Amino acid sequence: MSYEFISISLVIIILYLITYVLYNENIITKSVHIKIWNIIILVNCLILVILSLILTIFVEYSISTFLASTILFWHVEFGMALVPIALIHIYFYWKSFKKITLRQ
């Protein structure tokens, strides 16, 4: 099995651009655009957590099954999908992130 980082990233970027264009054309509101991406981040993180817990159980209890490699594959795929989502998120929220972290 090979991982598809570039194709996953391209799909995420295209989806983001579609929702951004819909927002710019006033087809959806800014709050809907933000909610869509917050839900995508939430679902992605939940899937990652669930797959991580399943993998942890397999390792902790020495369960050897054909599912382990499949679950690991999808865990990595969802993790790679989170990278462009996180980078887009950080880019758009950089000012507020900076305010919170660099307070003196």
PDB file of N, CA and C in Angstrom:
ATOM      1  N   MET A   1       0.841  -1.186   0.000  1.00  0.00           N
ATOM      2  CA  MET A   1       0.000   0.000   0.000  1.00  0.00           C
ATOM      3  C   MET A   1       0.884   1.248   0.000  1.00  0.00           C
ATOM      4  N   SER A   2       0.533   2.181  -0.835  1.00  0.00           N
ATOM      5  CA  SER A   2       1.280   3.426  -0.840  1.00  0.00           C
ATOM      6  C   SER A   2       0.350   4.552  -0.391  1.00  0.00           C
ATOM      7  N   TYR A   3       0.941   5.542   0.209  1.00  0.00           N
ATOM      8  CA  TYR A   3       0.169   6.659   0.726  1.00  0.00           C
ATOM      9  C   TYR A   3       0.063   7.745  -0.339  1.00  0.00           C
ATOM     10  N   GLU A   4      -1.042   8.424  -0.360  1.00  0.00           N
ATOM     11  CA  GLU A   4      -1.352   9.397  -1.408  1.00  0.00           C
ATOM     12  C   GLU A   4      -1.402  10.819  -0.871  1.00  0.00           C
ATOM     13  N   PHE A   5      -0.302  11.323  -0.355  1.00  0.00           N
ATOM     14  CA  PHE A   5      -0.295  12.654   0.252  1.00  0.00           C
ATOM     15  C   PHE A   5      -0.649  13.757  -0.736  1.00  0.00           C
ATOM     16  N   ILE A   6      -0.064  13.725  -1.916  1.00  0.00           N
ATOM     17  CA  ILE A   6      -0.287  14.810  -2.885  1.00  0.00           C
ATOM     18  C   ILE A   6      -1.733  14.815  -3.364  1.00  0.00           C
ATOM     19  N   SER A   7      -2.268  13.659  -3.706  1.00  0.00           N
ATOM     20  CA  SER A   7      -3.650  13.638  -4.193  1.00  0.00           C
ATOM     21  C   SER A   7      -4.634  14.011  -3.091  1.00  0.00           C
ATOM     22  N   ILE A   8      -4.390  13.568  -1.864  1.00  0.00           N
ATOM     23  CA  ILE A   8      -5.251  13.951  -0.739  1.00  0.00           C
ATOM     24  C   ILE A   8      -5.178  15.455  -0.522  1.00  0.00           C
ATOM     25  N   SER A   9      -3.985  16.005  -0.558  1.00  0.00           N
ATOM     26  CA  SER A   9      -3.807  17.440  -0.361  1.00  0.00           C
ATOM     27  C   SER A   9      -4.512  18.238  -1.455  1.00  0.00           C
ATOM     28  N   LEU A  10      -4.396  17.778  -2.684  1.00  0.00           N
ATOM     29  CA  LEU A  10      -5.065  18.470  -3.795  1.00  0.00           C
ATOM     30  C   LEU A  10      -6.586  18.449  -3.631  1.00  0.00           C
ATOM     31  N   VAL A  11      -7.128  17.319  -3.211  1.00  0.00           N
ATOM     32  CA  VAL A  11      -8.575  17.230  -2.990  1.00  0.00           C
ATOM     33  C   VAL A  11      -9.009  18.194  -1.891  1.00  0.00           C
ATOM     34  N   ILE A  12      -8.257  18.250  -0.799  1.00  0.00           N
ATOM     35  CA  ILE A  12      -8.585  19.150   0.312  1.00  0.00           C
ATOM     36  C   ILE A  12      -8.518  20.605  -0.161  1.00  0.00           C
ATOM     37  N   ILE A  13      -7.473  20.952  -0.882  1.00  0.00           N
ATOM     38  CA  ILE A  13      -7.318  22.335  -1.362  1.00  0.00           C
ATOM     39  C   ILE A  13      -8.440  22.699  -2.342  1.00  0.00           C
ATOM     40  N   ILE A  14      -8.790  21.779  -3.227  1.00  0.00           N
ATOM     41  CA  ILE A  14      -9.884  22.041  -4.174  1.00  0.00           C
ATOM     42  C   ILE A  14     -11.205  22.208  -3.431  1.00  0.00           C
ATOM     43  N   LEU A  15     -11.469  21.350  -2.456  1.00  0.00           N
ATOM     44  CA  LEU A  15     -12.691  21.492  -1.663  1.00  0.00           C
ATOM     45  C   LEU A  15     -12.726  22.822  -0.922  1.00  0.00           C
ATOM     46  N   TYR A  16     -11.576  23.208  -0.385  1.00  0.00           N
ATOM     47  CA  TYR A  16     -11.525  24.491   0.308  1.00  0.00           C
ATOM     48  C   TYR A  16     -11.796  25.634  -0.670  1.00  0.00           C
ATOM     49  N   LEU A  17     -11.178  25.581  -1.831  1.00  0.00           N
ATOM     50  CA  LEU A  17     -11.381  26.637  -2.826  1.00  0.00           C
ATOM     51  C   LEU A  17     -12.843  26.705  -3.279  1.00  0.00           C
ATOM     52  N   ILE A  18     -13.493  25.558  -3.402  1.00  0.00           N
ATOM     53  CA  ILE A  18     -14.915  25.551  -3.775  1.00  0.00           C
ATOM     54  C   ILE A  18     -15.748  26.272  -2.717  1.00  0.00           C
ATOM     55  N   THR A  19     -15.533  25.937  -1.444  1.00  0.00           N
ATOM     56  CA  THR A  19     -16.317  26.598  -0.394  1.00  0.00           C
ATOM     57  C   THR A  19     -15.949  28.075  -0.291  1.00  0.00           C
ATOM     58  N   TYR A  20     -14.698  28.402  -0.551  1.00  0.00           N
ATOM     59  CA  TYR A  20     -14.276  29.803  -0.511  1.00  0.00           C
ATOM     60  C   TYR A  20     -14.931  30.606  -1.631  1.00  0.00           C
ATOM     61  N   VAL A  21     -14.985  30.022  -2.832  1.00  0.00           N
ATOM     62  CA  VAL A  21     -15.643  30.694  -3.952  1.00  0.00           C
ATOM     63  C   VAL A  21     -17.139  30.857  -3.660  1.00  0.00           C
ATOM     64  N   LEU A  22     -17.761  29.829  -3.104  1.00  0.00           N
ATOM     65  CA  LEU A  22     -19.174  29.938  -2.728  1.00  0.00           C
ATOM     66  C   LEU A  22     -19.390  31.057  -1.723  1.00  0.00           C
ATOM     67  N   TYR A  23     -18.451  31.202  -0.801  1.00  0.00           N
ATOM     68  CA  TYR A  23     -18.520  32.291   0.173  1.00  0.00           C
ATOM     69  C   TYR A  23     -18.325  33.644  -0.524  1.00  0.00           C
ATOM     70  N   ASN A  24     -17.344  33.759  -1.386  1.00  0.00           N
ATOM     71  CA  ASN A  24     -17.074  35.023  -2.088  1.00  0.00           C
ATOM     72  C   ASN A  24     -18.217  35.440  -3.008  1.00  0.00           C
ATOM     73  N   GLU A  25     -18.917  34.463  -3.550  1.00  0.00           N
ATOM     74  CA  GLU A  25     -20.043  34.752  -4.442  1.00  0.00           C
ATOM     75  C   GLU A  25     -21.353  34.942  -3.663  1.00  0.00           C
ATOM     76  N   ASN A  26     -21.249  34.969  -2.352  1.00  0.00           N
ATOM     77  CA  ASN A  26     -22.407  35.139  -1.453  1.00  0.00           C
ATOM     78  C   ASN A  26     -23.455  34.046  -1.614  1.00  0.00           C
ATOM     79  N   ILE A  27     -23.015  32.869  -1.998  1.00  0.00           N
ATOM     80  CA  ILE A  27     -23.915  31.722  -2.062  1.00  0.00           C
ATOM     81  C   ILE A  27     -24.050  31.104  -0.679  1.00  0.00           C
ATOM     82  N   ILE A  28     -22.950  31.099   0.057  1.00  0.00           N
ATOM     83  CA  ILE A  28     -22.987  30.711   1.466  1.00  0.00           C
ATOM     84  C   ILE A  28     -22.384  31.849   2.283  1.00  0.00           C
ATOM     85  N   THR A  29     -22.736  31.892   3.545  1.00  0.00           N
ATOM     86  CA  THR A  29     -22.207  32.943   4.408  1.00  0.00           C
ATOM     87  C   THR A  29     -20.840  32.536   4.946  1.00  0.00           C
ATOM     88  N   LYS A  30     -20.158  33.509   5.512  1.00  0.00           N
ATOM     89  CA  LYS A  30     -18.845  33.221   6.100  1.00  0.00           C
ATOM     90  C   LYS A  30     -18.981  32.222   7.237  1.00  0.00           C
ATOM     91  N   SER A  31     -20.044  32.359   8.030  1.00  0.00           N
ATOM     92  CA  SER A  31     -20.227  31.436   9.153  1.00  0.00           C
ATOM     93  C   SER A  31     -20.476  30.004   8.669  1.00  0.00           C
ATOM     94  N   VAL A  32     -21.185  29.841   7.563  1.00  0.00           N
ATOM     95  CA  VAL A  32     -21.400  28.502   6.998  1.00  0.00           C
ATOM     96  C   VAL A  32     -20.075  27.936   6.496  1.00  0.00           C
ATOM     97  N   HIS A  33     -19.293  28.775   5.827  1.00  0.00           N
ATOM     98  CA  HIS A  33     -17.973  28.362   5.337  1.00  0.00           C
ATOM     99  C   HIS A  33     -17.107  27.885   6.507  1.00  0.00           C
ATOM    100  N   ILE A  34     -17.085  28.644   7.567  1.00  0.00           N
ATOM    101  CA  ILE A  34     -16.292  28.282   8.747  1.00  0.00           C
ATOM    102  C   ILE A  34     -16.830  27.009   9.393  1.00  0.00           C
ATOM    103  N   LYS A  35     -18.159  26.904   9.498  1.00  0.00           N
ATOM    104  CA  LYS A  35     -18.756  25.704  10.095  1.00  0.00           C
ATOM    105  C   LYS A  35     -18.426  24.452   9.290  1.00  0.00           C
ATOM    106  N   ILE A  36     -18.467  24.565   7.974  1.00  0.00           N
ATOM    107  CA  ILE A  36     -18.130  23.418   7.123  1.00  0.00           C
ATOM    108  C   ILE A  36     -16.730  22.916   7.457  1.00  0.00           C
ATOM    109  N   TRP A  37     -15.777  23.844   7.538  1.00  0.00           N
ATOM    110  CA  TRP A  37     -14.398  23.426   7.783  1.00  0.00           C
ATOM    111  C   TRP A  37     -14.158  23.013   9.227  1.00  0.00           C
ATOM    112  N   ASN A  38     -14.882  23.580  10.157  1.00  0.00           N
ATOM    113  CA  ASN A  38     -14.785  23.113  11.542  1.00  0.00           C
ATOM    114  C   ASN A  38     -15.328  21.692  11.663  1.00  0.00           C
ATOM    115  N   ILE A  39     -16.400  21.395  10.947  1.00  0.00           N
ATOM    116  CA  ILE A  39     -16.953  20.038  10.964  1.00  0.00           C
ATOM    117  C   ILE A  39     -15.986  19.060  10.302  1.00  0.00           C
ATOM    118  N   ILE A  40     -15.370  19.471   9.201  1.00  0.00           N
ATOM    119  CA  ILE A  40     -14.385  18.609   8.533  1.00  0.00           C
ATOM    120  C   ILE A  40     -13.217  18.307   9.469  1.00  0.00           C
ATOM    121  N   ILE A  41     -12.737  19.318  10.176  1.00  0.00           N
ATOM    122  CA  ILE A  41     -11.640  19.111  11.138  1.00  0.00           C
ATOM    123  C   ILE A  41     -12.095  18.173  12.251  1.00  0.00           C
ATOM    124  N   LEU A  42     -13.295  18.395  12.778  1.00  0.00           N
ATOM    125  CA  LEU A  42     -13.817  17.557  13.862  1.00  0.00           C
ATOM    126  C   LEU A  42     -13.943  16.103  13.421  1.00  0.00           C
ATOM    127  N   VAL A  43     -14.565  15.863  12.285  1.00  0.00           N
ATOM    128  CA  VAL A  43     -14.763  14.493  11.801  1.00  0.00           C
ATOM    129  C   VAL A  43     -13.414  13.814  11.547  1.00  0.00           C
ATOM    130  N   ASN A  44     -12.489  14.538  10.931  1.00  0.00           N
ATOM    131  CA  ASN A  44     -11.166  13.993  10.665  1.00  0.00           C
ATOM    132  C   ASN A  44     -10.475  13.606  11.977  1.00  0.00           C
ATOM    133  N   CYS A  45     -10.536  14.484  12.962  1.00  0.00           N
ATOM    134  CA  CYS A  45      -9.891  14.196  14.249  1.00  0.00           C
ATOM    135  C   CYS A  45     -10.558  13.028  14.965  1.00  0.00           C
ATOM    136  N   LEU A  46     -11.879  12.950  14.917  1.00  0.00           N
ATOM    137  CA  LEU A  46     -12.582  11.829  15.548  1.00  0.00           C
ATOM    138  C   LEU A  46     -12.196  10.499  14.904  1.00  0.00           C
ATOM    139  N   ILE A  47     -12.121  10.492  13.590  1.00  0.00           N
ATOM    140  CA  ILE A  47     -11.706   9.262  12.901  1.00  0.00           C
ATOM    141  C   ILE A  47     -10.284   8.884  13.295  1.00  0.00           C
ATOM    142  N   LEU A  48      -9.395   9.881  13.358  1.00  0.00           N
ATOM    143  CA  LEU A  48      -8.013   9.611  13.776  1.00  0.00           C
ATOM    144  C   LEU A  48      -7.950   9.039  15.186  1.00  0.00           C
ATOM    145  N   VAL A  49      -8.722   9.614  16.095  1.00  0.00           N
ATOM    146  CA  VAL A  49      -8.722   9.143  17.488  1.00  0.00           C
ATOM    147  C   VAL A  49      -9.250   7.716  17.580  1.00  0.00           C
ATOM    148  N   ILE A  50     -10.352   7.444  16.896  1.00  0.00           N
ATOM    149  CA  ILE A  50     -10.928   6.099  16.938  1.00  0.00           C
ATOM    150  C   ILE A  50      -9.959   5.073  16.364  1.00  0.00           C
ATOM    151  N   LEU A  51      -9.355   5.386  15.228  1.00  0.00           N
ATOM    152  CA  LEU A  51      -8.381   4.466  14.640  1.00  0.00           C
ATOM    153  C   LEU A  51      -7.165   4.292  15.543  1.00  0.00           C
ATOM    154  N   SER A  52      -6.736   5.377  16.200  1.00  0.00           N
ATOM    155  CA  SER A  52      -5.602   5.291  17.127  1.00  0.00           C
ATOM    156  C   SER A  52      -5.919   4.380  18.306  1.00  0.00           C
ATOM    157  N   LEU A  53      -7.126   4.514  18.838  1.00  0.00           N
ATOM    158  CA  LEU A  53      -7.514   3.651  19.964  1.00  0.00           C
ATOM    159  C   LEU A  53      -7.574   2.184  19.548  1.00  0.00           C
ATOM    160  N   ILE A  54      -8.098   1.921  18.384  1.00  0.00           N
ATOM    161  CA  ILE A  54      -8.146   0.540  17.897  1.00  0.00           C
ATOM    162  C   ILE A  54      -6.730  -0.010  17.708  1.00  0.00           C
ATOM    163  N   LEU A  55      -5.855   0.783  17.110  1.00  0.00           N
ATOM    164  CA  LEU A  55      -4.461   0.340  16.933  1.00  0.00           C
ATOM    165  C   LEU A  55      -3.768   0.128  18.271  1.00  0.00           C
ATOM    166  N   THR A  56      -4.036   0.995  19.227  1.00  0.00           N
ATOM    167  CA  THR A  56      -3.446   0.852  20.557  1.00  0.00           C
ATOM    168  C   THR A  56      -3.908  -0.443  21.218  1.00  0.00           C
ATOM    169  N   ILE A  57      -5.174  -0.757  21.076  1.00  0.00           N
ATOM    170  CA  ILE A  57      -5.692  -2.011  21.637  1.00  0.00           C
ATOM    171  C   ILE A  57      -5.009  -3.203  20.971  1.00  0.00           C
ATOM    172  N   PHE A  58      -4.853  -3.164  19.660  1.00  0.00           N
ATOM    173  CA  PHE A  58      -4.175  -4.257  18.960  1.00  0.00           C
ATOM    174  C   PHE A  58      -2.753  -4.445  19.470  1.00  0.00           C
ATOM    175  N   VAL A  59      -2.032  -3.349  19.638  1.00  0.00           N
ATOM    176  CA  VAL A  59      -0.645  -3.431  20.094  1.00  0.00           C
ATOM    177  C   VAL A  59      -0.575  -3.854  21.557  1.00  0.00           C
ATOM    178  N   GLU A  60      -1.392  -3.238  22.400  1.00  0.00           N
ATOM    179  CA  GLU A  60      -1.343  -3.495  23.843  1.00  0.00           C
ATOM    180  C   GLU A  60      -1.678  -4.950  24.177  1.00  0.00           C
ATOM    181  N   TYR A  61      -2.628  -5.506  23.463  1.00  0.00           N
ATOM    182  CA  TYR A  61      -3.060  -6.874  23.753  1.00  0.00           C
ATOM    183  C   TYR A  61      -2.517  -7.886  22.750  1.00  0.00           C
ATOM    184  N   SER A  62      -1.513  -7.487  22.003  1.00  0.00           N
ATOM    185  CA  SER A  62      -0.833  -8.362  21.030  1.00  0.00           C
ATOM    186  C   SER A  62      -1.817  -9.071  20.110  1.00  0.00           C
ATOM    187  N   ILE A  63      -2.778  -8.315  19.626  1.00  0.00           N
ATOM    188  CA  ILE A  63      -3.753  -8.868  18.705  1.00  0.00           C
ATOM    189  C   ILE A  63      -3.185  -8.738  17.292  1.00  0.00           C
ATOM    190  N   SER A  64      -3.017  -9.874  16.665  1.00  0.00           N
ATOM    191  CA  SER A  64      -2.494  -9.873  15.306  1.00  0.00           C
ATOM    192  C   SER A  64      -3.641 -10.216  14.369  1.00  0.00           C
ATOM    193  N   THR A  65      -3.979  -9.279  13.531  1.00  0.00           N
ATOM    194  CA  THR A  65      -5.078  -9.475  12.603  1.00  0.00           C
ATOM    195  C   THR A  65      -4.788  -8.742  11.298  1.00  0.00           C
ATOM    196  N   PHE A  66      -5.435  -9.191  10.244  1.00  0.00           N
ATOM    197  CA  PHE A  66      -5.259  -8.538   8.950  1.00  0.00           C
ATOM    198  C   PHE A  66      -5.794  -7.109   8.993  1.00  0.00           C
ATOM    199  N   LEU A  67      -6.694  -6.820   9.928  1.00  0.00           N
ATOM    200  CA  LEU A  67      -7.258  -5.481  10.039  1.00  0.00           C
ATOM    201  C   LEU A  67      -6.237  -4.442  10.494  1.00  0.00           C
ATOM    202  N   ALA A  68      -5.222  -4.859  11.223  1.00  0.00           N
ATOM    203  CA  ALA A  68      -4.251  -3.901  11.762  1.00  0.00           C
ATOM    204  C   ALA A  68      -3.568  -3.095  10.666  1.00  0.00           C
ATOM    205  N   SER A  69      -3.154  -3.739   9.610  1.00  0.00           N
ATOM    206  CA  SER A  69      -2.469  -3.005   8.545  1.00  0.00           C
ATOM    207  C   SER A  69      -3.438  -2.099   7.793  1.00  0.00           C
ATOM    208  N   THR A  70      -4.674  -2.530   7.628  1.00  0.00           N
ATOM    209  CA  THR A  70      -5.683  -1.697   6.970  1.00  0.00           C
ATOM    210  C   THR A  70      -6.022  -0.479   7.816  1.00  0.00           C
ATOM    211  N   ILE A  71      -6.186  -0.705   9.108  1.00  0.00           N
ATOM    212  CA  ILE A  71      -6.497   0.407  10.019  1.00  0.00           C
ATOM    213  C   ILE A  71      -5.324   1.376  10.072  1.00  0.00           C
ATOM    214  N   LEU A  72      -4.099   0.849  10.107  1.00  0.00           N
ATOM    215  CA  LEU A  72      -2.919   1.716  10.095  1.00  0.00           C
ATOM    216  C   LEU A  72      -2.874   2.552   8.816  1.00  0.00           C
ATOM    217  N   PHE A  73      -3.173   1.933   7.679  1.00  0.00           N
ATOM    218  CA  PHE A  73      -3.184   2.653   6.414  1.00  0.00           C
ATOM    219  C   PHE A  73      -4.160   3.825   6.471  1.00  0.00           C
ATOM    220  N   TRP A  74      -5.392   3.578   6.918  1.00  0.00           N
ATOM    221  CA  TRP A  74      -6.390   4.639   6.957  1.00  0.00           C
ATOM    222  C   TRP A  74      -6.075   5.683   8.015  1.00  0.00           C
ATOM    223  N   HIS A  75      -5.438   5.268   9.098  1.00  0.00           N
ATOM    224  CA  HIS A  75      -5.004   6.215  10.120  1.00  0.00           C
ATOM    225  C   HIS A  75      -4.001   7.209   9.523  1.00  0.00           C
ATOM    226  N   VAL A  76      -3.050   6.687   8.768  1.00  0.00           N
ATOM    227  CA  VAL A  76      -2.047   7.548   8.136  1.00  0.00           C
ATOM    228  C   VAL A  76      -2.696   8.437   7.071  1.00  0.00           C
ATOM    229  N   GLU A  77      -3.619   7.891   6.284  1.00  0.00           N
ATOM    230  CA  GLU A  77      -4.297   8.674   5.251  1.00  0.00           C
ATOM    231  C   GLU A  77      -5.070   9.847   5.867  1.00  0.00           C
ATOM    232  N   PHE A  78      -5.818   9.589   6.939  1.00  0.00           N
ATOM    233  CA  PHE A  78      -6.561  10.672   7.592  1.00  0.00           C
ATOM    234  C   PHE A  78      -5.618  11.670   8.263  1.00  0.00           C
ATOM    235  N   GLY A  79      -4.499  11.178   8.769  1.00  0.00           N
ATOM    236  CA  GLY A  79      -3.492  12.077   9.332  1.00  0.00           C
ATOM    237  C   GLY A  79      -2.899  12.985   8.283  1.00  0.00           C
ATOM    238  N   MET A  80      -2.645  12.421   7.100  1.00  0.00           N
ATOM    239  CA  MET A  80      -2.113  13.240   6.011  1.00  0.00           C
ATOM    240  C   MET A  80      -3.154  14.240   5.519  1.00  0.00           C
ATOM    241  N   ALA A  81      -4.430  13.880   5.565  1.00  0.00           N
ATOM    242  CA  ALA A  81      -5.481  14.815   5.169  1.00  0.00           C
ATOM    243  C   ALA A  81      -5.562  15.985   6.139  1.00  0.00           C
ATOM    244  N   LEU A  82      -5.189  15.738   7.388  1.00  0.00           N
ATOM    245  CA  LEU A  82      -5.243  16.798   8.389  1.00  0.00           C
ATOM    246  C   LEU A  82      -4.157  17.852   8.179  1.00  0.00           C
ATOM    247  N   VAL A  83      -3.071  17.481   7.528  1.00  0.00           N
ATOM    248  CA  VAL A  83      -1.961  18.425   7.311  1.00  0.00           C
ATOM    249  C   VAL A  83      -2.393  19.649   6.498  1.00  0.00           C
ATOM    250  N   PRO A  84      -2.937  19.483   5.282  1.00  0.00           N
ATOM    251  CA  PRO A  84      -3.347  20.692   4.557  1.00  0.00           C
ATOM    252  C   PRO A  84      -4.493  21.437   5.247  1.00  0.00           C
ATOM    253  N   ILE A  85      -5.399  20.684   5.890  1.00  0.00           N
ATOM    254  CA  ILE A  85      -6.493  21.340   6.627  1.00  0.00           C
ATOM    255  C   ILE A  85      -5.910  22.199   7.738  1.00  0.00           C
ATOM    256  N   ALA A  86      -4.964  21.661   8.477  1.00  0.00           N
ATOM    257  CA  ALA A  86      -4.349  22.407   9.579  1.00  0.00           C
ATOM    258  C   ALA A  86      -3.574  23.618   9.065  1.00  0.00           C
ATOM    259  N   LEU A  87      -2.866  23.456   7.961  1.00  0.00           N
ATOM    260  CA  LEU A  87      -2.101  24.580   7.408  1.00  0.00           C
ATOM    261  C   LEU A  87      -3.032  25.696   6.938  1.00  0.00           C
ATOM    262  N   ILE A  88      -4.141  25.345   6.299  1.00  0.00           N
ATOM    263  CA  ILE A  88      -5.130  26.350   5.898  1.00  0.00           C
ATOM    264  C   ILE A  88      -5.694  27.033   7.131  1.00  0.00           C
ATOM    265  N   HIS A  89      -6.022  26.256   8.131  1.00  0.00           N
ATOM    266  CA  HIS A  89      -6.588  26.785   9.372  1.00  0.00           C
ATOM    267  C   HIS A  89      -5.611  27.749  10.061  1.00  0.00           C
ATOM    268  N   ILE A  90      -4.364  27.343  10.164  1.00  0.00           N
ATOM    269  CA  ILE A  90      -3.346  28.199  10.794  1.00  0.00           C
ATOM    270  C   ILE A  90      -3.165  29.478   9.990  1.00  0.00           C
ATOM    271  N   TYR A  91      -3.150  29.365   8.664  1.00  0.00           N
ATOM    272  CA  TYR A  91      -2.975  30.538   7.822  1.00  0.00           C
ATOM    273  C   TYR A  91      -4.075  31.578   8.086  1.00  0.00           C
ATOM    274  N   PHE A  92      -5.307  31.128   8.134  1.00  0.00           N
ATOM    275  CA  PHE A  92      -6.407  32.077   8.289  1.00  0.00           C
ATOM    276  C   PHE A  92      -6.598  32.561   9.721  1.00  0.00           C
ATOM    277  N   TYR A  93      -6.112  31.811  10.690  1.00  0.00           N
ATOM    278  CA  TYR A  93      -6.263  32.222  12.086  1.00  0.00           C
ATOM    279  C   TYR A  93      -4.938  32.640  12.710  1.00  0.00           C
ATOM    280  N   TRP A  94      -3.949  32.963  11.878  1.00  0.00           N
ATOM    281  CA  TRP A  94      -2.623  33.295  12.382  1.00  0.00           C
ATOM    282  C   TRP A  94      -2.629  34.496  13.317  1.00  0.00           C
ATOM    283  N   LYS A  95      -3.391  35.544  12.968  1.00  0.00           N
ATOM    284  CA  LYS A  95      -3.394  36.750  13.799  1.00  0.00           C
ATOM    285  C   LYS A  95      -3.938  36.462  15.195  1.00  0.00           C
ATOM    286  N   SER A  96      -5.036  35.749  15.276  1.00  0.00           N
ATOM    287  CA  SER A  96      -5.586  35.441  16.599  1.00  0.00           C
ATOM    288  C   SER A  96      -4.689  34.454  17.345  1.00  0.00           C
ATOM    289  N   PHE A  97      -4.076  33.517  16.628  1.00  0.00           N
ATOM    290  CA  PHE A  97      -3.138  32.586  17.240  1.00  0.00           C
ATOM    291  C   PHE A  97      -1.946  33.348  17.814  1.00  0.00           C
ATOM    292  N   LYS A  98      -1.450  34.306  17.051  1.00  0.00           N
ATOM    293  CA  LYS A  98      -0.311  35.106  17.488  1.00  0.00           C
ATOM    294  C   LYS A  98      -0.665  35.922  18.739  1.00  0.00           C
ATOM    295  N   LYS A  99      -1.859  36.487  18.756  1.00  0.00           N
ATOM    296  CA  LYS A  99      -2.303  37.271  19.913  1.00  0.00           C
ATOM    297  C   LYS A  99      -2.327  36.417  21.170  1.00  0.00           C
ATOM    298  N   ILE A 100      -2.833  35.202  21.037  1.00  0.00           N
ATOM    299  CA  ILE A 100      -2.961  34.317  22.198  1.00  0.00           C
ATOM    300  C   ILE A 100      -1.603  33.839  22.691  1.00  0.00           C
ATOM    301  N   THR A 101      -0.729  33.448  21.770  1.00  0.00           N
ATOM    302  CA  THR A 101       0.543  32.833  22.170  1.00  0.00           C
ATOM    303  C   THR A 101       1.636  33.826  22.499  1.00  0.00           C
ATOM    304  N   LEU A 102       1.580  35.011  21.959  1.00  0.00           N
ATOM    305  CA  LEU A 102       2.674  35.967  22.178  1.00  0.00           C
ATOM    306  C   LEU A 102       2.318  37.066  23.164  1.00  0.00           C
ATOM    307  N   ARG A 103       1.282  36.854  23.957  1.00  0.00           N
ATOM    308  CA  ARG A 103       0.934  37.844  24.971  1.00  0.00           C
ATOM    309  C   ARG A 103       2.044  37.950  26.000  1.00  0.00           C
ATOM    310  N   GLN A 104       2.190  39.163  26.484  1.00  0.00           N
ATOM    311  CA  GLN A 104       3.236  39.356  27.510  1.00  0.00           C
ATOM    312  C   GLN A 104       2.631  39.862  28.785  1.00  0.00           C
TER     313      GLN A 104
END
